[in-house]
Amino acid sequence: MSSYEQLKQDIIALSSATAAELAAISDARRIFTEFKQLLNDGCIRAAEKAAGSWVVNTWVKEGILVGMRLGTLTAGGVRPDGSLGKFTFIDKDTWPLKEITLEHNVRIVPGGSSVRDGSYLAPSVVMMPPAYVNVGAYVDAGTMIDSHALVGSCAQVGKHVHLSAGVQVGGVLEPVGAMPVIIEDEVMVGGNCGIYEGTVVQERAVIGTGVILNGSTPVYDLVNGTIHRKSAEGPLVIPAGAVVVAGSRLAKGAFAVEHGLSLYTPVIVKYRDEKTDSATALEQALR
């Protein structure tokens, strides 16, 4: 059995143990440390694309939860010289801040951003302050995470994505089989958007300012005359190249008609073209 397969089997074996049982297993810390190093290096992911579809690696999410149960609360904090200081945080000792060095070739602008251990930032990622990347998240090369943006637990973000100011990319750890949010390559997400509940945004889509995407709100495609929604078989999927803006639809019922009420809904108004590419071009000078 390869070391990878052995680690996978070890994590699965630990996943059913309680916190008390984990504390009594002599190899638990070693197994978890090996697992977390692979997460930090981007060698394992909470979800991956296989045969054109995204699948959840449940054992990876189980390993993250093992770390939650295995850890004990501890205080941490840093001064500019790297020593312990007043800016204290309290978290499990298994999930401290991620150690990022110059060799990682990641740019984190000063001003209050945090990256939690067990996440992966590829070379050339840029983080503007303040922003936060949670455990299990994967952020690929050339992506910008703008101010006040969140990349939630286990979220998967592709290459050359722009997460504008105030974007919230939801996270999910439990249930372990639940799909995390997926944002594929070259997606532009406008300011103050929220993408939640395992939504998949396919490559080169543009999500307009203020759009909320989740499992309960249908997305109306004006171009193709179709409706995209989450189903029992799969998550909400925003098609490749779609340009999505915030819209509304009439609410049903006599009371709604009487009062002129409408409901929020995202609307696909077009698919990406040269004009869209020009309007959403990333500012290379910032990199």
C-alpha atoms as a PDB file:
ATOM      1  CA  MET A   1       0.000   0.000   0.000  1.00  0.00           C
ATOM      2  CA  SER A   2       1.373   3.449  -0.936  1.00  0.00           C
ATOM      3  CA  SER A   3       2.058   5.999   1.786  1.00  0.00           C
ATOM      4  CA  TYR A   4      -0.848   8.079   0.409  1.00  0.00           C
ATOM      5  CA  GLU A   5      -3.280   5.175   0.608  1.00  0.00           C
ATOM      6  CA  GLN A   6      -1.995   4.271   4.061  1.00  0.00           C
ATOM      7  CA  LEU A   7      -2.543   7.821   5.269  1.00  0.00           C
ATOM      8  CA  LYS A   8      -6.053   7.806   3.800  1.00  0.00           C
ATOM      9  CA  GLN A   9      -6.892   4.555   5.594  1.00  0.00           C
ATOM     10  CA  ASP A  10      -5.400   5.868   8.845  1.00  0.00           C
ATOM     11  CA  ILE A  11      -7.521   9.029   8.670  1.00  0.00           C
ATOM     12  CA  ILE A  12     -10.661   7.014   7.950  1.00  0.00           C
ATOM     13  CA  ALA A  13      -9.874   4.798  10.953  1.00  0.00           C
ATOM     14  CA  LEU A  14      -9.457   7.856  13.195  1.00  0.00           C
ATOM     15  CA  SER A  15     -12.594   9.578  11.900  1.00  0.00           C
ATOM     16  CA  SER A  16     -14.938   7.591  14.119  1.00  0.00           C
ATOM     17  CA  ALA A  17     -12.947   8.193  17.319  1.00  0.00           C
ATOM     18  CA  THR A  18     -14.122  10.631  19.962  1.00  0.00           C
ATOM     19  CA  ALA A  19     -11.880  13.366  21.344  1.00  0.00           C
ATOM     20  CA  ALA A  20     -11.106  11.224  24.394  1.00  0.00           C
ATOM     21  CA  GLU A  21     -10.295   8.202  22.243  1.00  0.00           C
ATOM     22  CA  LEU A  22      -8.043  10.261  19.946  1.00  0.00           C
ATOM     23  CA  ALA A  23      -6.090  11.538  22.945  1.00  0.00           C
ATOM     24  CA  ALA A  24      -5.296   7.948  23.872  1.00  0.00           C
ATOM     25  CA  ILE A  25      -4.076   6.900  20.397  1.00  0.00           C
ATOM     26  CA  SER A  26      -0.301   7.322  20.332  1.00  0.00           C
ATOM     27  CA  ASP A  27      -0.022   7.745  16.551  1.00  0.00           C
ATOM     28  CA  ALA A  28      -2.967  10.121  16.134  1.00  0.00           C
ATOM     29  CA  ARG A  29      -0.907  13.324  16.242  1.00  0.00           C
ATOM     30  CA  ARG A  30       1.683  11.952  13.824  1.00  0.00           C
ATOM     31  CA  ILE A  31      -0.990  10.834  11.346  1.00  0.00           C
ATOM     32  CA  PHE A  32      -2.768  14.147  11.575  1.00  0.00           C
ATOM     33  CA  THR A  33       0.472  16.118  11.117  1.00  0.00           C
ATOM     34  CA  GLU A  34       1.259  14.194   7.921  1.00  0.00           C
ATOM     35  CA  PHE A  35      -2.284  14.777   6.700  1.00  0.00           C
ATOM     36  CA  LYS A  36      -2.184  18.517   7.418  1.00  0.00           C
ATOM     37  CA  GLN A  37       1.151  18.918   5.621  1.00  0.00           C
ATOM     38  CA  LEU A  38      -0.412  17.532   2.440  1.00  0.00           C
ATOM     39  CA  LEU A  39      -3.310  19.973   2.834  1.00  0.00           C
ATOM     40  CA  ASN A  40      -0.900  22.869   3.315  1.00  0.00           C
ATOM     41  CA  ASP A  41       1.040  21.843   0.209  1.00  0.00           C
ATOM     42  CA  GLY A  42      -2.074  21.502  -1.946  1.00  0.00           C
ATOM     43  CA  CYS A  43      -1.382  17.804  -2.532  1.00  0.00           C
ATOM     44  CA  ILE A  44      -4.805  16.750  -1.245  1.00  0.00           C
ATOM     45  CA  ARG A  45      -8.056  18.670  -1.593  1.00  0.00           C
ATOM     46  CA  ALA A  46     -11.544  18.574  -0.108  1.00  0.00           C
ATOM     47  CA  ALA A  47     -12.993  18.345  -3.636  1.00  0.00           C
ATOM     48  CA  GLU A  48     -11.535  17.616  -7.057  1.00  0.00           C
ATOM     49  CA  LYS A  49     -12.707  17.535 -10.659  1.00  0.00           C
ATOM     50  CA  ALA A  50     -12.829  14.001 -12.045  1.00  0.00           C
ATOM     51  CA  ALA A  51     -14.128  13.089 -15.517  1.00  0.00           C
ATOM     52  CA  GLY A  52     -15.580  16.576 -15.896  1.00  0.00           C
ATOM     53  CA  SER A  53     -17.498  16.632 -12.588  1.00  0.00           C
ATOM     54  CA  TRP A  54     -16.619  17.824  -9.118  1.00  0.00           C
ATOM     55  CA  VAL A  55     -16.514  15.173  -6.399  1.00  0.00           C
ATOM     56  CA  VAL A  56     -16.067  15.493  -2.655  1.00  0.00           C
ATOM     57  CA  ASN A  57     -13.099  13.796  -1.005  1.00  0.00           C
ATOM     58  CA  THR A  58     -14.946  12.865   2.156  1.00  0.00           C
ATOM     59  CA  TRP A  59     -11.847  11.427   3.816  1.00  0.00           C
ATOM     60  CA  VAL A  60     -10.114  14.819   3.567  1.00  0.00           C
ATOM     61  CA  LYS A  61     -13.007  16.541   5.307  1.00  0.00           C
ATOM     62  CA  GLU A  62     -13.000  13.756   7.897  1.00  0.00           C
ATOM     63  CA  GLY A  63      -9.306  14.449   8.491  1.00  0.00           C
ATOM     64  CA  ILE A  64     -10.040  18.125   9.135  1.00  0.00           C
ATOM     65  CA  LEU A  65     -12.661  17.132  11.697  1.00  0.00           C
ATOM     66  CA  VAL A  66     -10.170  14.741  13.307  1.00  0.00           C
ATOM     67  CA  GLY A  67      -7.927  17.761  13.840  1.00  0.00           C
ATOM     68  CA  MET A  68     -10.784  19.624  15.496  1.00  0.00           C
ATOM     69  CA  ARG A  69     -11.362  16.815  17.984  1.00  0.00           C
ATOM     70  CA  LEU A  70      -7.686  16.099  18.504  1.00  0.00           C
ATOM     71  CA  GLY A  71      -6.703  19.681  19.316  1.00  0.00           C
ATOM     72  CA  THR A  72      -6.845  21.540  22.601  1.00  0.00           C
ATOM     73  CA  LEU A  73      -7.605  25.219  23.067  1.00  0.00           C
ATOM     74  CA  THR A  74      -4.521  27.385  23.169  1.00  0.00           C
ATOM     75  CA  ALA A  75      -3.714  31.088  23.012  1.00  0.00           C
ATOM     76  CA  GLY A  76      -1.631  32.509  20.207  1.00  0.00           C
ATOM     77  CA  GLY A  77      -0.627  35.942  18.950  1.00  0.00           C
ATOM     78  CA  VAL A  78       2.146  37.787  17.187  1.00  0.00           C
ATOM     79  CA  ARG A  79       4.195  40.965  17.310  1.00  0.00           C
ATOM     80  CA  PRO A  80       5.844  42.438  14.203  1.00  0.00           C
ATOM     81  CA  ASP A  81       9.066  40.613  15.144  1.00  0.00           C
ATOM     82  CA  GLY A  82       7.188  37.306  15.192  1.00  0.00           C
ATOM     83  CA  SER A  83       7.196  36.812  18.957  1.00  0.00           C
ATOM     84  CA  LEU A  84       4.079  36.278  21.041  1.00  0.00           C
ATOM     85  CA  GLY A  85       2.208  39.489  21.679  1.00  0.00           C
ATOM     86  CA  LYS A  86      -1.043  41.197  22.555  1.00  0.00           C
ATOM     87  CA  PHE A  87      -3.038  40.372  19.424  1.00  0.00           C
ATOM     88  CA  THR A  88      -4.243  37.123  20.912  1.00  0.00           C
ATOM     89  CA  PHE A  89      -6.444  34.490  19.327  1.00  0.00           C
ATOM     90  CA  ILE A  90      -7.833  31.345  20.935  1.00  0.00           C
ATOM     91  CA  ASP A  91      -8.124  28.216  18.797  1.00  0.00           C
ATOM     92  CA  LYS A  92      -7.335  24.518  18.688  1.00  0.00           C
ATOM     93  CA  ASP A  93      -3.580  23.963  18.732  1.00  0.00           C
ATOM     94  CA  THR A  94      -3.992  21.705  15.682  1.00  0.00           C
ATOM     95  CA  TRP A  95      -5.238  24.650  13.579  1.00  0.00           C
ATOM     96  CA  PRO A  96      -2.971  27.674  14.187  1.00  0.00           C
ATOM     97  CA  LEU A  97      -2.212  30.407  11.660  1.00  0.00           C
ATOM     98  CA  LYS A  98      -0.621  29.077   8.495  1.00  0.00           C
ATOM     99  CA  GLU A  99       3.100  29.705   8.271  1.00  0.00           C
ATOM    100  CA  ILE A 100       3.780  31.572   5.013  1.00  0.00           C
ATOM    101  CA  THR A 101       7.291  32.531   3.944  1.00  0.00           C
ATOM    102  CA  LEU A 102       8.761  34.519   1.068  1.00  0.00           C
ATOM    103  CA  GLU A 103       9.465  31.235  -0.728  1.00  0.00           C
ATOM    104  CA  HIS A 104       5.714  30.642  -1.117  1.00  0.00           C
ATOM    105  CA  ASN A 105       5.583  33.642  -3.509  1.00  0.00           C
ATOM    106  CA  VAL A 106       2.239  34.728  -2.043  1.00  0.00           C
ATOM    107  CA  ARG A 107       1.544  38.415  -1.517  1.00  0.00           C
ATOM    108  CA  ILE A 108      -0.353  39.240   1.680  1.00  0.00           C
ATOM    109  CA  VAL A 109      -0.695  43.009   2.039  1.00  0.00           C
ATOM    110  CA  PRO A 110      -0.526  44.200   5.687  1.00  0.00           C
ATOM    111  CA  GLY A 111      -3.724  45.184   7.410  1.00  0.00           C
ATOM    112  CA  GLY A 112      -5.312  42.311   9.299  1.00  0.00           C
ATOM    113  CA  SER A 113      -5.627  39.335   6.936  1.00  0.00           C
ATOM    114  CA  SER A 114      -5.415  35.774   8.299  1.00  0.00           C
ATOM    115  CA  VAL A 115      -4.807  32.400   6.692  1.00  0.00           C
ATOM    116  CA  ARG A 116      -5.607  29.331   8.757  1.00  0.00           C
ATOM    117  CA  ASP A 117      -3.375  26.296   8.746  1.00  0.00           C
ATOM    118  CA  GLY A 118      -4.523  23.454   6.494  1.00  0.00           C
ATOM    119  CA  SER A 119      -5.361  25.737   3.576  1.00  0.00           C
ATOM    120  CA  TYR A 120      -3.461  26.183   0.322  1.00  0.00           C
ATOM    121  CA  LEU A 121      -2.492  29.419  -1.425  1.00  0.00           C
ATOM    122  CA  ALA A 122      -0.714  28.869  -4.738  1.00  0.00           C
ATOM    123  CA  PRO A 123       2.187  31.051  -5.867  1.00  0.00           C
ATOM    124  CA  SER A 124       1.138  34.514  -7.133  1.00  0.00           C
ATOM    125  CA  VAL A 125      -2.044  34.663  -5.027  1.00  0.00           C
ATOM    126  CA  VAL A 126      -2.685  38.194  -3.713  1.00  0.00           C
ATOM    127  CA  MET A 127      -4.598  38.994  -0.506  1.00  0.00           C
ATOM    128  CA  MET A 128      -5.727  42.541   0.218  1.00  0.00           C
ATOM    129  CA  PRO A 129      -6.526  43.469   3.837  1.00  0.00           C
ATOM    130  CA  PRO A 130      -8.483  42.433   5.718  1.00  0.00           C
ATOM    131  CA  ALA A 131      -9.358  39.017   4.306  1.00  0.00           C
ATOM    132  CA  TYR A 132      -9.621  35.485   5.662  1.00  0.00           C
ATOM    133  CA  VAL A 133      -8.958  32.004   4.268  1.00  0.00           C
ATOM    134  CA  ASN A 134     -10.273  29.100   6.337  1.00  0.00           C
ATOM    135  CA  VAL A 135      -9.084  25.531   6.825  1.00  0.00           C
ATOM    136  CA  GLY A 136      -9.347  23.180   3.843  1.00  0.00           C
ATOM    137  CA  ALA A 137      -9.665  25.985   1.304  1.00  0.00           C
ATOM    138  CA  TYR A 138      -7.696  25.771  -1.948  1.00  0.00           C
ATOM    139  CA  VAL A 139      -6.842  28.978  -3.835  1.00  0.00           C
ATOM    140  CA  ASP A 140      -5.045  28.528  -7.151  1.00  0.00           C
ATOM    141  CA  ALA A 141      -2.408  30.624  -8.902  1.00  0.00           C
ATOM    142  CA  GLY A 142      -2.945  34.242  -9.877  1.00  0.00           C
ATOM    143  CA  THR A 143      -6.138  34.712  -7.851  1.00  0.00           C
ATOM    144  CA  MET A 144      -6.831  37.955  -6.000  1.00  0.00           C
ATOM    145  CA  ILE A 145      -8.714  37.955  -2.698  1.00  0.00           C
ATOM    146  CA  ASP A 146      -9.789  41.540  -2.143  1.00  0.00           C
ATOM    147  CA  SER A 147     -10.573  43.438   1.062  1.00  0.00           C
ATOM    148  CA  HIS A 148     -13.149  42.017   3.491  1.00  0.00           C
ATOM    149  CA  ALA A 149     -13.419  38.825   1.427  1.00  0.00           C
ATOM    150  CA  LEU A 150     -13.872  35.376   2.971  1.00  0.00           C
ATOM    151  CA  VAL A 151     -12.843  32.057   1.492  1.00  0.00           C
ATOM    152  CA  GLY A 152     -14.709  29.571   3.661  1.00  0.00           C
ATOM    153  CA  SER A 153     -13.686  26.123   4.846  1.00  0.00           C
ATOM    154  CA  CYS A 154     -12.981  23.655   2.016  1.00  0.00           C
ATOM    155  CA  ALA A 155     -13.958  26.155  -0.724  1.00  0.00           C
ATOM    156  CA  GLN A 156     -12.116  25.514  -4.002  1.00  0.00           C
ATOM    157  CA  VAL A 157     -11.062  28.597  -5.989  1.00  0.00           C
ATOM    158  CA  GLY A 158      -9.403  28.296  -9.394  1.00  0.00           C
ATOM    159  CA  LYS A 159      -6.701  30.168 -11.283  1.00  0.00           C
ATOM    160  CA  HIS A 160      -6.883  33.902 -12.052  1.00  0.00           C
ATOM    161  CA  VAL A 161     -10.124  34.402 -10.125  1.00  0.00           C
ATOM    162  CA  HIS A 162     -10.973  37.851  -8.750  1.00  0.00           C
ATOM    163  CA  LEU A 163     -12.904  37.857  -5.475  1.00  0.00           C
ATOM    164  CA  SER A 164     -13.844  41.526  -5.134  1.00  0.00           C
ATOM    165  CA  ALA A 165     -14.253  43.467  -1.897  1.00  0.00           C
ATOM    166  CA  GLY A 166     -16.788  42.028   0.516  1.00  0.00           C
ATOM    167  CA  VAL A 167     -17.241  38.699  -1.280  1.00  0.00           C
ATOM    168  CA  GLN A 168     -18.320  35.818   0.939  1.00  0.00           C
ATOM    169  CA  VAL A 169     -17.491  32.327  -0.318  1.00  0.00           C
ATOM    170  CA  GLY A 170     -19.300  30.009   2.045  1.00  0.00           C
ATOM    171  CA  GLY A 171     -17.634  27.075   3.744  1.00  0.00           C
ATOM    172  CA  VAL A 172     -18.796  23.625   4.736  1.00  0.00           C
ATOM    173  CA  LEU A 173     -17.243  20.888   6.875  1.00  0.00           C
ATOM    174  CA  GLU A 174     -20.293  18.864   7.852  1.00  0.00           C
ATOM    175  CA  PRO A 175     -21.863  16.739   6.625  1.00  0.00           C
ATOM    176  CA  VAL A 176     -18.608  15.400   5.187  1.00  0.00           C
ATOM    177  CA  GLY A 177     -20.319  14.468   1.915  1.00  0.00           C
ATOM    178  CA  ALA A 178     -21.575  17.991   1.270  1.00  0.00           C
ATOM    179  CA  MET A 179     -20.085  19.760  -1.746  1.00  0.00           C
ATOM    180  CA  PRO A 180     -18.091  22.884  -0.885  1.00  0.00           C
ATOM    181  CA  VAL A 181     -18.394  26.028  -2.989  1.00  0.00           C
ATOM    182  CA  ILE A 182     -16.459  25.691  -6.250  1.00  0.00           C
ATOM    183  CA  ILE A 183     -15.267  28.692  -8.261  1.00  0.00           C
ATOM    184  CA  GLU A 184     -13.463  27.651 -11.429  1.00  0.00           C
ATOM    185  CA  ASP A 185     -10.710  29.397 -13.410  1.00  0.00           C
ATOM    186  CA  GLU A 186     -10.951  33.027 -14.554  1.00  0.00           C
ATOM    187  CA  VAL A 187     -14.198  33.801 -12.767  1.00  0.00           C
ATOM    188  CA  MET A 188     -14.898  37.411 -11.820  1.00  0.00           C
ATOM    189  CA  VAL A 189     -16.963  37.851  -8.643  1.00  0.00           C
ATOM    190  CA  GLY A 190     -18.175  41.415  -8.035  1.00  0.00           C
ATOM    191  CA  GLY A 191     -18.257  43.248  -4.732  1.00  0.00           C
ATOM    192  CA  ASN A 192     -20.519  42.150  -1.877  1.00  0.00           C
ATOM    193  CA  CYS A 193     -21.523  38.877  -3.533  1.00  0.00           C
ATOM    194  CA  GLY A 194     -22.332  35.769  -1.531  1.00  0.00           C
ATOM    195  CA  ILE A 195     -21.804  32.260  -2.921  1.00  0.00           C
ATOM    196  CA  TYR A 196     -23.052  29.507  -0.631  1.00  0.00           C
ATOM    197  CA  GLU A 197     -24.294  25.922  -0.208  1.00  0.00           C
ATOM    198  CA  GLY A 198     -22.024  24.088  -2.613  1.00  0.00           C
ATOM    199  CA  THR A 199     -22.712  26.269  -5.637  1.00  0.00           C
ATOM    200  CA  VAL A 200     -20.430  25.569  -8.608  1.00  0.00           C
ATOM    201  CA  VAL A 201     -19.446  28.610 -10.693  1.00  0.00           C
ATOM    202  CA  GLN A 202     -17.930  27.352 -13.908  1.00  0.00           C
ATOM    203  CA  GLU A 203     -14.953  28.891 -15.691  1.00  0.00           C
ATOM    204  CA  ARG A 204     -14.980  32.494 -16.952  1.00  0.00           C
ATOM    205  CA  ALA A 205     -18.386  33.305 -15.464  1.00  0.00           C
ATOM    206  CA  VAL A 206     -18.990  36.847 -14.230  1.00  0.00           C
ATOM    207  CA  ILE A 207     -21.006  37.330 -11.038  1.00  0.00           C
ATOM    208  CA  GLY A 208     -22.246  40.930 -10.845  1.00  0.00           C
ATOM    209  CA  THR A 209     -22.102  43.123  -7.768  1.00  0.00           C
ATOM    210  CA  GLY A 210     -24.427  42.078  -4.963  1.00  0.00           C
ATOM    211  CA  VAL A 211     -25.521  38.733  -6.423  1.00  0.00           C
ATOM    212  CA  ILE A 212     -26.362  35.983  -3.920  1.00  0.00           C
ATOM    213  CA  LEU A 213     -26.137  32.376  -5.080  1.00  0.00           C
ATOM    214  CA  ASN A 214     -27.392  29.536  -2.891  1.00  0.00           C
ATOM    215  CA  GLY A 215     -29.281  26.289  -2.964  1.00  0.00           C
ATOM    216  CA  SER A 216     -32.768  27.750  -2.593  1.00  0.00           C
ATOM    217  CA  THR A 217     -32.805  30.572  -5.160  1.00  0.00           C
ATOM    218  CA  PRO A 218     -33.293  29.667  -8.846  1.00  0.00           C
ATOM    219  CA  VAL A 219     -31.214  31.394 -11.511  1.00  0.00           C
ATOM    220  CA  TYR A 220     -33.090  32.464 -14.660  1.00  0.00           C
ATOM    221  CA  ASP A 221     -31.185  32.236 -17.948  1.00  0.00           C
ATOM    222  CA  LEU A 222     -32.647  34.856 -20.295  1.00  0.00           C
ATOM    223  CA  VAL A 223     -30.352  33.784 -23.130  1.00  0.00           C
ATOM    224  CA  ASN A 224     -31.356  30.121 -23.251  1.00  0.00           C
ATOM    225  CA  GLY A 225     -34.779  30.308 -21.617  1.00  0.00           C
ATOM    226  CA  THR A 226     -33.861  27.869 -18.858  1.00  0.00           C
ATOM    227  CA  ILE A 227     -33.819  27.848 -15.060  1.00  0.00           C
ATOM    228  CA  HIS A 228     -30.791  26.662 -13.093  1.00  0.00           C
ATOM    229  CA  ARG A 229     -31.364  25.351  -9.578  1.00  0.00           C
ATOM    230  CA  LYS A 230     -30.022  22.937  -6.992  1.00  0.00           C
ATOM    231  CA  SER A 231     -31.566  19.479  -7.092  1.00  0.00           C
ATOM    232  CA  ALA A 232     -31.361  16.207  -5.206  1.00  0.00           C
ATOM    233  CA  GLU A 233     -28.905  15.036  -7.865  1.00  0.00           C
ATOM    234  CA  GLY A 234     -26.518  17.966  -7.762  1.00  0.00           C
ATOM    235  CA  PRO A 235     -25.691  21.542  -6.725  1.00  0.00           C
ATOM    236  CA  LEU A 236     -26.622  24.814  -8.356  1.00  0.00           C
ATOM    237  CA  VAL A 237     -24.283  25.224 -11.340  1.00  0.00           C
ATOM    238  CA  ILE A 238     -23.622  28.560 -13.028  1.00  0.00           C
ATOM    239  CA  PRO A 239     -22.654  27.778 -16.642  1.00  0.00           C
ATOM    240  CA  ALA A 240     -19.261  28.664 -18.074  1.00  0.00           C
ATOM    241  CA  GLY A 241     -19.058  32.250 -19.293  1.00  0.00           C
ATOM    242  CA  ALA A 242     -22.436  33.271 -17.858  1.00  0.00           C
ATOM    243  CA  VAL A 243     -22.874  36.899 -16.802  1.00  0.00           C
ATOM    244  CA  VAL A 244     -25.130  36.927 -13.740  1.00  0.00           C
ATOM    245  CA  VAL A 245     -26.760  40.049 -12.280  1.00  0.00           C
ATOM    246  CA  ALA A 246     -29.202  40.648  -9.440  1.00  0.00           C
ATOM    247  CA  GLY A 247     -32.813  40.640 -10.624  1.00  0.00           C
ATOM    248  CA  SER A 248     -36.343  40.044  -9.392  1.00  0.00           C
ATOM    249  CA  ARG A 249     -39.461  38.068 -10.234  1.00  0.00           C
ATOM    250  CA  LEU A 250     -43.069  38.653  -9.311  1.00  0.00           C
ATOM    251  CA  ALA A 251     -44.257  36.987  -6.123  1.00  0.00           C
ATOM    252  CA  LYS A 252     -47.272  34.716  -6.425  1.00  0.00           C
ATOM    253  CA  GLY A 253     -50.639  35.192  -4.733  1.00  0.00           C
ATOM    254  CA  ALA A 254     -53.310  37.853  -4.530  1.00  0.00           C
ATOM    255  CA  PHE A 255     -51.654  39.658  -1.611  1.00  0.00           C
ATOM    256  CA  ALA A 256     -48.364  39.869  -3.476  1.00  0.00           C
ATOM    257  CA  VAL A 257     -50.096  41.188  -6.594  1.00  0.00           C
ATOM    258  CA  GLU A 258     -52.066  43.708  -4.565  1.00  0.00           C
ATOM    259  CA  HIS A 259     -48.925  45.125  -2.998  1.00  0.00           C
ATOM    260  CA  GLY A 260     -46.684  44.821  -6.043  1.00  0.00           C
ATOM    261  CA  LEU A 261     -44.277  42.477  -4.281  1.00  0.00           C
ATOM    262  CA  SER A 262     -41.375  40.748  -6.001  1.00  0.00           C
ATOM    263  CA  LEU A 263     -38.676  38.291  -4.949  1.00  0.00           C
ATOM    264  CA  TYR A 264     -34.941  38.525  -5.493  1.00  0.00           C
ATOM    265  CA  THR A 265     -33.472  36.214  -8.088  1.00  0.00           C
ATOM    266  CA  PRO A 266     -30.175  36.077  -9.996  1.00  0.00           C
ATOM    267  CA  VAL A 267     -30.519  36.440 -13.767  1.00  0.00           C
ATOM    268  CA  ILE A 268     -28.136  35.417 -16.552  1.00  0.00           C
ATOM    269  CA  VAL A 269     -28.364  38.336 -18.965  1.00  0.00           C
ATOM    270  CA  LYS A 270     -25.660  37.311 -21.450  1.00  0.00           C
ATOM    271  CA  TYR A 271     -22.608  35.132 -21.938  1.00  0.00           C
ATOM    272  CA  ARG A 272     -19.099  36.458 -21.825  1.00  0.00           C
ATOM    273  CA  ASP A 273     -17.780  38.264 -24.911  1.00  0.00           C
ATOM    274  CA  GLU A 274     -14.927  40.640 -25.790  1.00  0.00           C
ATOM    275  CA  LYS A 275     -16.745  43.594 -24.242  1.00  0.00           C
ATOM    276  CA  THR A 276     -17.155  41.672 -20.990  1.00  0.00           C
ATOM    277  CA  ASP A 277     -13.489  40.643 -21.037  1.00  0.00           C
ATOM    278  CA  SER A 278     -12.454  44.288 -21.372  1.00  0.00           C
ATOM    279  CA  ALA A 279     -14.729  45.421 -18.536  1.00  0.00           C
ATOM    280  CA  THR A 280     -13.522  42.719 -16.149  1.00  0.00           C
ATOM    281  CA  ALA A 281      -9.806  42.724 -16.996  1.00  0.00           C
ATOM    282  CA  LEU A 282      -7.708  42.384 -13.850  1.00  0.00           C
ATOM    283  CA  GLU A 283      -5.515  45.323 -12.993  1.00  0.00           C
ATOM    284  CA  GLN A 284      -2.048  43.903 -13.573  1.00  0.00           C
ATOM    285  CA  ALA A 285      -0.408  46.919 -11.979  1.00  0.00           C
ATOM    286  CA  LEU A 286      -1.738  45.720  -8.609  1.00  0.00           C
ATOM    287  CA  ARG A 287       0.217  42.486  -8.986  1.00  0.00           C
END
